[in-house]
Amino acid sequence: MKYISLLLLALVSTTASSDEELERAVITSCAYQAGTAREIQNIRQVEGDDWPQFEQKIKKIYKDTQGRIDLLAIGKIVYLEPLKRLPDAVYEHTFNSCVKHIQGKDKSA
C-alpha cells in the first residue's frame, strides 16, 4: 500500500512538473516572438519600409532556413499592425495572441 501511495505521489508530481515545464516553454516561445515583433516594429518605424521592402531585405540577409521563415511570419503579422502603434503595444498584442493561440483560446485554433 505504501508503494502504491508513493507511486501515485510520484505520478502526480511528474505531471505537475511537466505542466510547469510546458507553461515555461509557452511563455518563453511567446516572449521570443513578441520581442521579435517589437523589434520589427521599431525597424519599420525608423526605416519606413512597407511589407514587400521588408520581405526582400530579410530574404537578402538570411538564408532560406526555418529561422527566416519564422522571422517573415512574425514580420507579416507586424505589418498588419498600424505603423504608428507603439512597439511595446505590438509586443503585448503579439504575446497575448500567441499565448491564447497555444492554449487553444483564440478563434483560429
PDB file of N, CA and C in Angstrom:
ATOM      1  N   MET A   1       0.825  -1.186   0.000  1.00  0.00           N
ATOM      2  CA  MET A   1       0.000   0.000   0.000  1.00  0.00           C
ATOM      3  C   MET A   1       0.878   1.261   0.000  1.00  0.00           C
ATOM      4  N   LYS A   2       1.918   1.211   0.787  1.00  0.00           N
ATOM      5  CA  LYS A   2       2.834   2.348   0.850  1.00  0.00           C
ATOM      6  C   LYS A   2       3.480   2.578  -0.520  1.00  0.00           C
ATOM      7  N   TYR A   3       3.811   1.491  -1.213  1.00  0.00           N
ATOM      8  CA  TYR A   3       4.422   1.574  -2.535  1.00  0.00           C
ATOM      9  C   TYR A   3       3.472   2.237  -3.530  1.00  0.00           C
ATOM     10  N   ILE A   4       2.193   1.880  -3.482  1.00  0.00           N
ATOM     11  CA  ILE A   4       1.195   2.457  -4.391  1.00  0.00           C
ATOM     12  C   ILE A   4       1.028   3.945  -4.109  1.00  0.00           C
ATOM     13  N   SER A   5       1.019   4.309  -2.839  1.00  0.00           N
ATOM     14  CA  SER A   5       0.897   5.728  -2.474  1.00  0.00           C
ATOM     15  C   SER A   5       2.082   6.529  -2.992  1.00  0.00           C
ATOM     16  N   LEU A   6       3.281   5.982  -2.853  1.00  0.00           N
ATOM     17  CA  LEU A   6       4.473   6.657  -3.350  1.00  0.00           C
ATOM     18  C   LEU A   6       4.457   6.759  -4.869  1.00  0.00           C
ATOM     19  N   LEU A   7       3.986   5.716  -5.536  1.00  0.00           N
ATOM     20  CA  LEU A   7       3.890   5.714  -6.990  1.00  0.00           C
ATOM     21  C   LEU A   7       2.897   6.783  -7.460  1.00  0.00           C
ATOM     22  N   LEU A   8       1.748   6.866  -6.821  1.00  0.00           N
ATOM     23  CA  LEU A   8       0.757   7.887  -7.170  1.00  0.00           C
ATOM     24  C   LEU A   8       1.290   9.292  -6.912  1.00  0.00           C
ATOM     25  N   LEU A   9       1.976   9.474  -5.802  1.00  0.00           N
ATOM     26  CA  LEU A   9       2.563  10.773  -5.488  1.00  0.00           C
ATOM     27  C   LEU A   9       3.603  11.159  -6.535  1.00  0.00           C
ATOM     28  N   ALA A  10       4.420  10.213  -6.950  1.00  0.00           N
ATOM     29  CA  ALA A  10       5.428  10.482  -7.982  1.00  0.00           C
ATOM     30  C   ALA A  10       4.770  10.817  -9.307  1.00  0.00           C
ATOM     31  N   LEU A  11       3.708  10.109  -9.651  1.00  0.00           N
ATOM     32  CA  LEU A  11       2.995  10.365 -10.899  1.00  0.00           C
ATOM     33  C   LEU A  11       2.373  11.757 -10.900  1.00  0.00           C
ATOM     34  N   VAL A  12       1.745  12.144  -9.803  1.00  0.00           N
ATOM     35  CA  VAL A  12       1.127  13.469  -9.699  1.00  0.00           C
ATOM     36  C   VAL A  12       2.183  14.560  -9.762  1.00  0.00           C
ATOM     37  N   SER A  13       3.298  14.392  -9.069  1.00  0.00           N
ATOM     38  CA  SER A  13       4.336  15.425  -9.091  1.00  0.00           C
ATOM     39  C   SER A  13       5.002  15.504 -10.460  1.00  0.00           C
ATOM     40  N   THR A  14       5.120  14.381 -11.162  1.00  0.00           N
ATOM     41  CA  THR A  14       5.681  14.395 -12.514  1.00  0.00           C
ATOM     42  C   THR A  14       4.764  15.142 -13.460  1.00  0.00           C
ATOM     43  N   THR A  15       3.469  14.906 -13.356  1.00  0.00           N
ATOM     44  CA  THR A  15       2.504  15.606 -14.203  1.00  0.00           C
ATOM     45  C   THR A  15       2.535  17.095 -13.919  1.00  0.00           C
ATOM     46  N   ALA A  16       2.580  17.476 -12.661  1.00  0.00           N
ATOM     47  CA  ALA A  16       2.643  18.895 -12.307  1.00  0.00           C
ATOM     48  C   ALA A  16       3.927  19.513 -12.839  1.00  0.00           C
ATOM     49  N   SER A  17       5.026  18.783 -12.706  1.00  0.00           N
ATOM     50  CA  SER A  17       6.302  19.280 -13.199  1.00  0.00           C
ATOM     51  C   SER A  17       6.267  19.453 -14.711  1.00  0.00           C
ATOM     52  N   SER A  18       5.680  18.482 -15.425  1.00  0.00           N
ATOM     53  CA  SER A  18       5.572  18.583 -16.875  1.00  0.00           C
ATOM     54  C   SER A  18       4.704  19.768 -17.281  1.00  0.00           C
ATOM     55  N   ASP A  19       3.616  19.999 -16.550  1.00  0.00           N
ATOM     56  CA  ASP A  19       2.756  21.139 -16.827  1.00  0.00           C
ATOM     57  C   ASP A  19       3.498  22.457 -16.631  1.00  0.00           C
ATOM     58  N   GLU A  20       4.306  22.519 -15.576  1.00  0.00           N
ATOM     59  CA  GLU A  20       5.084  23.731 -15.323  1.00  0.00           C
ATOM     60  C   GLU A  20       6.120  23.950 -16.424  1.00  0.00           C
ATOM     61  N   GLU A  21       6.752  22.880 -16.869  1.00  0.00           N
ATOM     62  CA  GLU A  21       7.740  22.985 -17.943  1.00  0.00           C
ATOM     63  C   GLU A  21       7.075  23.423 -19.240  1.00  0.00           C
ATOM     64  N   LEU A  22       5.903  22.884 -19.514  1.00  0.00           N
ATOM     65  CA  LEU A  22       5.161  23.269 -20.705  1.00  0.00           C
ATOM     66  C   LEU A  22       4.773  24.738 -20.633  1.00  0.00           C
ATOM     67  N   GLU A  23       4.308  25.188 -19.477  1.00  0.00           N
ATOM     68  CA  GLU A  23       3.935  26.591 -19.298  1.00  0.00           C
ATOM     69  C   GLU A  23       5.145  27.499 -19.508  1.00  0.00           C
ATOM     70  N   ARG A  24       6.294  27.111 -18.978  1.00  0.00           N
ATOM     71  CA  ARG A  24       7.527  27.897 -19.175  1.00  0.00           C
ATOM     72  C   ARG A  24       7.906  27.946 -20.646  1.00  0.00           C
ATOM     73  N   ALA A  25       7.753  26.823 -21.329  1.00  0.00           N
ATOM     74  CA  ALA A  25       8.097  26.771 -22.750  1.00  0.00           C
ATOM     75  C   ALA A  25       7.172  27.672 -23.557  1.00  0.00           C
ATOM     76  N   VAL A  26       5.896  27.685 -23.211  1.00  0.00           N
ATOM     77  CA  VAL A  26       4.934  28.554 -23.896  1.00  0.00           C
ATOM     78  C   VAL A  26       5.302  30.017 -23.676  1.00  0.00           C
ATOM     79  N   ILE A  27       5.560  30.376 -22.443  1.00  0.00           N
ATOM     80  CA  ILE A  27       5.901  31.764 -22.122  1.00  0.00           C
ATOM     81  C   ILE A  27       7.192  32.173 -22.821  1.00  0.00           C
ATOM     82  N   THR A  28       8.185  31.297 -22.814  1.00  0.00           N
ATOM     83  CA  THR A  28       9.461  31.607 -23.465  1.00  0.00           C
ATOM     84  C   THR A  28       9.280  31.793 -24.963  1.00  0.00           C
ATOM     85  N   SER A  29       8.556  30.885 -25.592  1.00  0.00           N
ATOM     86  CA  SER A  29       8.331  30.976 -27.034  1.00  0.00           C
ATOM     87  C   SER A  29       7.560  32.239 -27.398  1.00  0.00           C
ATOM     88  N   CYS A  30       6.507  32.523 -26.647  1.00  0.00           N
ATOM     89  CA  CYS A  30       5.694  33.709 -26.943  1.00  0.00           C
ATOM     90  C   CYS A  30       6.465  34.999 -26.667  1.00  0.00           C
ATOM     91  N   ALA A  31       7.275  35.001 -25.624  1.00  0.00           N
ATOM     92  CA  ALA A  31       8.082  36.189 -25.324  1.00  0.00           C
ATOM     93  C   ALA A  31       9.103  36.431 -26.435  1.00  0.00           C
ATOM     94  N   TYR A  32       9.685  35.370 -26.977  1.00  0.00           N
ATOM     95  CA  TYR A  32      10.639  35.498 -28.084  1.00  0.00           C
ATOM     96  C   TYR A  32       9.943  36.077 -29.315  1.00  0.00           C
ATOM     97  N   GLN A  33       8.771  35.520 -29.649  1.00  0.00           N
ATOM     98  CA  GLN A  33       8.020  36.008 -30.804  1.00  0.00           C
ATOM     99  C   GLN A  33       7.617  37.475 -30.617  1.00  0.00           C
ATOM    100  N   ALA A  34       7.157  37.804 -29.426  1.00  0.00           N
ATOM    101  CA  ALA A  34       6.717  39.178 -29.153  1.00  0.00           C
ATOM    102  C   ALA A  34       7.900  40.143 -29.178  1.00  0.00           C
ATOM    103  N   GLY A  35       9.043  39.723 -28.659  1.00  0.00           N
ATOM    104  CA  GLY A  35      10.232  40.570 -28.699  1.00  0.00           C
ATOM    105  C   GLY A  35      10.695  40.820 -30.126  1.00  0.00           C
ATOM    106  N   THR A  36      10.612  39.789 -30.945  1.00  0.00           N
ATOM    107  CA  THR A  36      10.956  39.932 -32.361  1.00  0.00           C
ATOM    108  C   THR A  36       9.988  40.894 -33.037  1.00  0.00           C
ATOM    109  N   ALA A  37       8.702  40.764 -32.719  1.00  0.00           N
ATOM    110  CA  ALA A  37       7.688  41.658 -33.290  1.00  0.00           C
ATOM    111  C   ALA A  37       7.950  43.111 -32.889  1.00  0.00           C
ATOM    112  N   ARG A  38       8.326  43.318 -31.637  1.00  0.00           N
ATOM    113  CA  ARG A  38       8.627  44.674 -31.170  1.00  0.00           C
ATOM    114  C   ARG A  38       9.800  45.266 -31.952  1.00  0.00           C
ATOM    115  N   GLU A  39      10.834  44.473 -32.162  1.00  0.00           N
ATOM    116  CA  GLU A  39      11.996  44.962 -32.899  1.00  0.00           C
ATOM    117  C   GLU A  39      11.661  45.239 -34.363  1.00  0.00           C
ATOM    118  N   ILE A  40      10.847  44.395 -34.967  1.00  0.00           N
ATOM    119  CA  ILE A  40      10.433  44.638 -36.350  1.00  0.00           C
ATOM    120  C   ILE A  40       9.653  45.946 -36.437  1.00  0.00           C
ATOM    121  N   GLN A  41       8.784  46.198 -35.455  1.00  0.00           N
ATOM    122  CA  GLN A  41       8.022  47.452 -35.452  1.00  0.00           C
ATOM    123  C   GLN A  41       8.965  48.652 -35.285  1.00  0.00           C
ATOM    124  N   ASN A  42       9.974  48.517 -34.436  1.00  0.00           N
ATOM    125  CA  ASN A  42      10.978  49.584 -34.283  1.00  0.00           C
ATOM    126  C   ASN A  42      11.649  49.872 -35.624  1.00  0.00           C
ATOM    127  N   ILE A  43      12.113  48.834 -36.278  1.00  0.00           N
ATOM    128  CA  ILE A  43      12.799  48.981 -37.570  1.00  0.00           C
ATOM    129  C   ILE A  43      11.843  49.579 -38.598  1.00  0.00           C
ATOM    130  N   ARG A  44      10.638  49.080 -38.611  1.00  0.00           N
ATOM    131  CA  ARG A  44       9.629  49.570 -39.547  1.00  0.00           C
ATOM    132  C   ARG A  44       9.392  51.068 -39.374  1.00  0.00           C
ATOM    133  N   GLN A  45       9.302  51.521 -38.138  1.00  0.00           N
ATOM    134  CA  GLN A  45       9.061  52.937 -37.882  1.00  0.00           C
ATOM    135  C   GLN A  45      10.270  53.798 -38.250  1.00  0.00           C
ATOM    136  N   VAL A  46      11.455  53.288 -38.038  1.00  0.00           N
ATOM    137  CA  VAL A  46      12.669  54.050 -38.356  1.00  0.00           C
ATOM    138  C   VAL A  46      12.925  54.082 -39.860  1.00  0.00           C
ATOM    139  N   GLU A  47      12.840  52.934 -40.502  1.00  0.00           N
ATOM    140  CA  GLU A  47      13.187  52.836 -41.918  1.00  0.00           C
ATOM    141  C   GLU A  47      12.018  53.114 -42.847  1.00  0.00           C
ATOM    142  N   GLY A  48      10.791  52.982 -42.359  1.00  0.00           N
ATOM    143  CA  GLY A  48       9.617  53.289 -43.166  1.00  0.00           C
ATOM    144  C   GLY A  48       9.308  52.292 -44.266  1.00  0.00           C
ATOM    145  N   ASP A  49       9.840  51.083 -44.159  1.00  0.00           N
ATOM    146  CA  ASP A  49       9.591  50.071 -45.186  1.00  0.00           C
ATOM    147  C   ASP A  49       8.131  49.634 -45.200  1.00  0.00           C
ATOM    148  N   ASP A  50       7.670  49.253 -46.395  1.00  0.00           N
ATOM    149  CA  ASP A  50       6.388  48.567 -46.464  1.00  0.00           C
ATOM    150  C   ASP A  50       6.705  47.067 -46.475  1.00  0.00           C
ATOM    151  N   TRP A  51       5.667  46.223 -46.487  1.00  0.00           N
ATOM    152  CA  TRP A  51       5.895  44.781 -46.387  1.00  0.00           C
ATOM    153  C   TRP A  51       6.813  44.235 -47.485  1.00  0.00           C
ATOM    154  N   PRO A  52       6.585  44.535 -48.766  1.00  0.00           N
ATOM    155  CA  PRO A  52       7.474  43.964 -49.800  1.00  0.00           C
ATOM    156  C   PRO A  52       8.944  44.354 -49.606  1.00  0.00           C
ATOM    157  N   GLN A  53       9.205  45.596 -49.195  1.00  0.00           N
ATOM    158  CA  GLN A  53      10.592  46.017 -48.965  1.00  0.00           C
ATOM    159  C   GLN A  53      11.215  45.235 -47.815  1.00  0.00           C
ATOM    160  N   PHE A  54      10.467  45.101 -46.721  1.00  0.00           N
ATOM    161  CA  PHE A  54      10.964  44.361 -45.568  1.00  0.00           C
ATOM    162  C   PHE A  54      11.244  42.908 -45.942  1.00  0.00           C
ATOM    163  N   GLU A  55      10.301  42.296 -46.641  1.00  0.00           N
ATOM    164  CA  GLU A  55      10.448  40.906 -47.045  1.00  0.00           C
ATOM    165  C   GLU A  55      11.697  40.705 -47.907  1.00  0.00           C
ATOM    166  N   GLN A  56      11.927  41.601 -48.853  1.00  0.00           N
ATOM    167  CA  GLN A  56      13.101  41.490 -49.718  1.00  0.00           C
ATOM    168  C   GLN A  56      14.400  41.659 -48.930  1.00  0.00           C
ATOM    169  N   LYS A  57      14.425  42.603 -47.996  1.00  0.00           N
ATOM    170  CA  LYS A  57      15.627  42.787 -47.171  1.00  0.00           C
ATOM    171  C   LYS A  57      15.951  41.521 -46.390  1.00  0.00           C
ATOM    172  N   ILE A  58      14.929  40.927 -45.786  1.00  0.00           N
ATOM    173  CA  ILE A  58      15.139  39.713 -44.990  1.00  0.00           C
ATOM    174  C   ILE A  58      15.631  38.577 -45.880  1.00  0.00           C
ATOM    175  N   LYS A  59      15.056  38.447 -47.059  1.00  0.00           N
ATOM    176  CA  LYS A  59      15.471  37.380 -47.977  1.00  0.00           C
ATOM    177  C   LYS A  59      16.908  37.560 -48.459  1.00  0.00           C
ATOM    178  N   LYS A  60      17.372  38.813 -48.540  1.00  0.00           N
ATOM    179  CA  LYS A  60      18.759  39.066 -48.937  1.00  0.00           C
ATOM    180  C   LYS A  60      19.732  38.775 -47.793  1.00  0.00           C
ATOM    181  N   ILE A  61      19.306  39.045 -46.569  1.00  0.00           N
ATOM    182  CA  ILE A  61      20.193  38.911 -45.409  1.00  0.00           C
ATOM    183  C   ILE A  61      20.304  37.466 -44.927  1.00  0.00           C
ATOM    184  N   TYR A  62      19.178  36.753 -44.888  1.00  0.00           N
ATOM    185  CA  TYR A  62      19.150  35.421 -44.286  1.00  0.00           C
ATOM    186  C   TYR A  62      18.971  34.324 -45.330  1.00  0.00           C
ATOM    187  N   LYS A  63      19.632  33.206 -45.100  1.00  0.00           N
ATOM    188  CA  LYS A  63      19.469  32.041 -45.962  1.00  0.00           C
ATOM    189  C   LYS A  63      18.064  31.471 -45.781  1.00  0.00           C
ATOM    190  N   ASP A  64      17.657  30.651 -46.740  1.00  0.00           N
ATOM    191  CA  ASP A  64      16.338  30.036 -46.706  1.00  0.00           C
ATOM    192  C   ASP A  64      16.332  28.915 -45.662  1.00  0.00           C
ATOM    193  N   THR A  65      16.067  29.302 -44.421  1.00  0.00           N
ATOM    194  CA  THR A  65      16.033  28.368 -43.301  1.00  0.00           C
ATOM    195  C   THR A  65      14.736  28.560 -42.531  1.00  0.00           C
ATOM    196  N   GLN A  66      14.526  27.722 -41.550  1.00  0.00           N
ATOM    197  CA  GLN A  66      13.339  27.857 -40.704  1.00  0.00           C
ATOM    198  C   GLN A  66      13.359  29.192 -39.964  1.00  0.00           C
ATOM    199  N   GLY A  67      14.543  29.660 -39.600  1.00  0.00           N
ATOM    200  CA  GLY A  67      14.654  30.957 -38.925  1.00  0.00           C
ATOM    201  C   GLY A  67      14.122  32.093 -39.787  1.00  0.00           C
ATOM    202  N   ARG A  68      14.477  32.077 -41.061  1.00  0.00           N
ATOM    203  CA  ARG A  68      13.977  33.113 -41.967  1.00  0.00           C
ATOM    204  C   ARG A  68      12.473  32.983 -42.155  1.00  0.00           C
ATOM    205  N   ILE A  69      11.985  31.772 -42.279  1.00  0.00           N
ATOM    206  CA  ILE A  69      10.545  31.552 -42.421  1.00  0.00           C
ATOM    207  C   ILE A  69       9.801  32.093 -41.201  1.00  0.00           C
ATOM    208  N   ASP A  70      10.327  31.802 -40.019  1.00  0.00           N
ATOM    209  CA  ASP A  70       9.705  32.282 -38.781  1.00  0.00           C
ATOM    210  C   ASP A  70       9.749  33.809 -38.693  1.00  0.00           C
ATOM    211  N   LEU A  71      10.887  34.391 -39.039  1.00  0.00           N
ATOM    212  CA  LEU A  71      11.032  35.843 -38.999  1.00  0.00           C
ATOM    213  C   LEU A  71      10.041  36.516 -39.949  1.00  0.00           C
ATOM    214  N   LEU A  72       9.892  35.964 -41.131  1.00  0.00           N
ATOM    215  CA  LEU A  72       8.939  36.535 -42.088  1.00  0.00           C
ATOM    216  C   LEU A  72       7.493  36.356 -41.619  1.00  0.00           C
ATOM    217  N   ALA A  73       7.204  35.248 -40.963  1.00  0.00           N
ATOM    218  CA  ALA A  73       5.846  35.035 -40.438  1.00  0.00           C
ATOM    219  C   ALA A  73       5.527  36.068 -39.353  1.00  0.00           C
ATOM    220  N   ILE A  74       6.475  36.316 -38.479  1.00  0.00           N
ATOM    221  CA  ILE A  74       6.279  37.328 -37.436  1.00  0.00           C
ATOM    222  C   ILE A  74       6.180  38.707 -38.077  1.00  0.00           C
ATOM    223  N   GLY A  75       7.054  38.983 -39.044  1.00  0.00           N
ATOM    224  CA  GLY A  75       7.025  40.268 -39.739  1.00  0.00           C
ATOM    225  C   GLY A  75       5.705  40.528 -40.429  1.00  0.00           C
ATOM    226  N   LYS A  76       5.154  39.506 -41.054  1.00  0.00           N
ATOM    227  CA  LYS A  76       3.880  39.665 -41.750  1.00  0.00           C
ATOM    228  C   LYS A  76       2.773  40.086 -40.775  1.00  0.00           C
ATOM    229  N   ILE A  77       2.800  39.505 -39.581  1.00  0.00           N
ATOM    230  CA  ILE A  77       1.823  39.872 -38.548  1.00  0.00           C
ATOM    231  C   ILE A  77       2.035  41.321 -38.113  1.00  0.00           C
ATOM    232  N   VAL A  78       3.293  41.705 -37.939  1.00  0.00           N
ATOM    233  CA  VAL A  78       3.599  43.081 -37.522  1.00  0.00           C
ATOM    234  C   VAL A  78       3.111  44.075 -38.564  1.00  0.00           C
ATOM    235  N   TYR A  79       3.300  43.757 -39.825  1.00  0.00           N
ATOM    236  CA  TYR A  79       2.904  44.692 -40.883  1.00  0.00           C
ATOM    237  C   TYR A  79       1.390  44.816 -41.031  1.00  0.00           C
ATOM    238  N   LEU A  80       0.634  43.984 -40.333  1.00  0.00           N
ATOM    239  CA  LEU A  80      -0.818  44.162 -40.256  1.00  0.00           C
ATOM    240  C   LEU A  80      -1.197  45.204 -39.200  1.00  0.00           C
ATOM    241  N   GLU A  81      -0.259  45.476 -38.286  1.00  0.00           N
ATOM    242  CA  GLU A  81      -0.473  46.472 -37.232  1.00  0.00           C
ATOM    243  C   GLU A  81      -0.341  47.876 -37.830  1.00  0.00           C
ATOM    244  N   PRO A  82      -1.010  48.849 -37.226  1.00  0.00           N
ATOM    245  CA  PRO A  82      -0.818  50.237 -37.689  1.00  0.00           C
ATOM    246  C   PRO A  82       0.645  50.664 -37.517  1.00  0.00           C
ATOM    247  N   LEU A  83       1.134  51.446 -38.453  1.00  0.00           N
ATOM    248  CA  LEU A  83       2.520  51.915 -38.414  1.00  0.00           C
ATOM    249  C   LEU A  83       2.821  52.705 -37.145  1.00  0.00           C
ATOM    250  N   LYS A  84       1.857  53.474 -36.678  1.00  0.00           N
ATOM    251  CA  LYS A  84       2.097  54.344 -35.520  1.00  0.00           C
ATOM    252  C   LYS A  84       1.934  53.639 -34.176  1.00  0.00           C
ATOM    253  N   ARG A  85       1.518  52.379 -34.182  1.00  0.00           N
ATOM    254  CA  ARG A  85       1.357  51.662 -32.903  1.00  0.00           C
ATOM    255  C   ARG A  85       2.713  51.541 -32.226  1.00  0.00           C
ATOM    256  N   LEU A  86       2.746  51.832 -30.946  1.00  0.00           N
ATOM    257  CA  LEU A  86       3.995  51.755 -30.196  1.00  0.00           C
ATOM    258  C   LEU A  86       4.544  50.330 -30.198  1.00  0.00           C
ATOM    259  N   PRO A  87       5.864  50.194 -30.309  1.00  0.00           N
ATOM    260  CA  PRO A  87       6.461  48.858 -30.300  1.00  0.00           C
ATOM    261  C   PRO A  87       6.077  48.027 -29.074  1.00  0.00           C
ATOM    262  N   ASP A  88       5.959  48.657 -27.917  1.00  0.00           N
ATOM    263  CA  ASP A  88       5.563  47.908 -26.721  1.00  0.00           C
ATOM    264  C   ASP A  88       4.129  47.404 -26.826  1.00  0.00           C
ATOM    265  N   ALA A  89       3.265  48.147 -27.498  1.00  0.00           N
ATOM    266  CA  ALA A  89       1.889  47.690 -27.720  1.00  0.00           C
ATOM    267  C   ALA A  89       1.877  46.510 -28.689  1.00  0.00           C
ATOM    268  N   VAL A  90       2.765  46.533 -29.681  1.00  0.00           N
ATOM    269  CA  VAL A  90       2.892  45.404 -30.606  1.00  0.00           C
ATOM    270  C   VAL A  90       3.375  44.177 -29.841  1.00  0.00           C
ATOM    271  N   TYR A  91       4.335  44.373 -28.936  1.00  0.00           N
ATOM    272  CA  TYR A  91       4.824  43.272 -28.090  1.00  0.00           C
ATOM    273  C   TYR A  91       3.676  42.652 -27.309  1.00  0.00           C
ATOM    274  N   GLU A  92       2.934  43.480 -26.619  1.00  0.00           N
ATOM    275  CA  GLU A  92       1.844  42.997 -25.767  1.00  0.00           C
ATOM    276  C   GLU A  92       0.787  42.244 -26.585  1.00  0.00           C
ATOM    277  N   HIS A  93       0.402  42.815 -27.708  1.00  0.00           N
ATOM    278  CA  HIS A  93      -0.605  42.180 -28.549  1.00  0.00           C
ATOM    279  C   HIS A  93      -0.106  40.834 -29.090  1.00  0.00           C
ATOM    280  N   THR A  94       1.135  40.802 -29.547  1.00  0.00           N
ATOM    281  CA  THR A  94       1.712  39.569 -30.081  1.00  0.00           C
ATOM    282  C   THR A  94       1.833  38.508 -29.004  1.00  0.00           C
ATOM    283  N   PHE A  95       2.306  38.896 -27.830  1.00  0.00           N
ATOM    284  CA  PHE A  95       2.465  37.948 -26.724  1.00  0.00           C
ATOM    285  C   PHE A  95       1.120  37.350 -26.327  1.00  0.00           C
ATOM    286  N   ASN A  96       0.139  38.203 -26.119  1.00  0.00           N
ATOM    287  CA  ASN A  96      -1.183  37.728 -25.695  1.00  0.00           C
ATOM    288  C   ASN A  96      -1.824  36.838 -26.749  1.00  0.00           C
ATOM    289  N   SER A  97      -1.692  37.211 -28.010  1.00  0.00           N
ATOM    290  CA  SER A  97      -2.249  36.396 -29.099  1.00  0.00           C
ATOM    291  C   SER A  97      -1.574  35.033 -29.162  1.00  0.00           C
ATOM    292  N   CYS A  98      -0.285  35.011 -28.986  1.00  0.00           N
ATOM    293  CA  CYS A  98       0.483  33.765 -29.017  1.00  0.00           C
ATOM    294  C   CYS A  98       0.037  32.824 -27.896  1.00  0.00           C
ATOM    295  N   VAL A  99      -0.045  33.349 -26.688  1.00  0.00           N
ATOM    296  CA  VAL A  99      -0.451  32.519 -25.544  1.00  0.00           C
ATOM    297  C   VAL A  99      -1.858  31.971 -25.760  1.00  0.00           C
ATOM    298  N   LYS A 100      -2.772  32.828 -26.200  1.00  0.00           N
ATOM    299  CA  LYS A 100      -4.141  32.369 -26.446  1.00  0.00           C
ATOM    300  C   LYS A 100      -4.176  31.297 -27.524  1.00  0.00           C
ATOM    301  N   HIS A 101      -3.391  31.498 -28.573  1.00  0.00           N
ATOM    302  CA  HIS A 101      -3.356  30.515 -29.659  1.00  0.00           C
ATOM    303  C   HIS A 101      -2.842  29.162 -29.162  1.00  0.00           C
ATOM    304  N   ILE A 102      -1.753  29.170 -28.429  1.00  0.00           N
ATOM    305  CA  ILE A 102      -1.171  27.922 -27.948  1.00  0.00           C
ATOM    306  C   ILE A 102      -2.108  27.231 -26.966  1.00  0.00           C
ATOM    307  N   GLN A 103      -2.805  28.001 -26.166  1.00  0.00           N
ATOM    308  CA  GLN A 103      -3.739  27.422 -25.209  1.00  0.00           C
ATOM    309  C   GLN A 103      -5.064  27.039 -25.867  1.00  0.00           C
ATOM    310  N   GLY A 104      -5.202  27.343 -27.154  1.00  0.00           N
ATOM    311  CA  GLY A 104      -6.419  26.979 -27.871  1.00  0.00           C
ATOM    312  C   GLY A 104      -7.604  27.868 -27.571  1.00  0.00           C
ATOM    313  N   LYS A 105      -7.330  29.099 -27.152  1.00  0.00           N
ATOM    314  CA  LYS A 105      -8.408  30.007 -26.774  1.00  0.00           C
ATOM    315  C   LYS A 105      -8.730  31.053 -27.823  1.00  0.00           C
ATOM    316  N   ASP A 106      -8.016  31.043 -28.941  1.00  0.00           N
ATOM    317  CA  ASP A 106      -8.355  32.025 -29.960  1.00  0.00           C
ATOM    318  C   ASP A 106      -9.262  31.375 -31.006  1.00  0.00           C
ATOM    319  N   LYS A 107      -9.859  32.164 -31.840  1.00  0.00           N
ATOM    320  CA  LYS A 107     -10.831  31.690 -32.809  1.00  0.00           C
ATOM    321  C   LYS A 107     -10.192  30.909 -33.951  1.00  0.00           C
ATOM    322  N   SER A 108      -8.899  31.134 -34.209  1.00  0.00           N
ATOM    323  CA  SER A 108      -8.250  30.461 -35.325  1.00  0.00           C
ATOM    324  C   SER A 108      -7.709  29.091 -34.945  1.00  0.00           C
ATOM    325  N   ALA A 109      -7.685  28.790 -33.661  1.00  0.00           N
ATOM    326  CA  ALA A 109      -7.121  27.497 -33.223  1.00  0.00           C
ATOM    327  C   ALA A 109      -8.111  26.375 -33.386  1.00  0.00           C
TER     328      ALA A 109
END
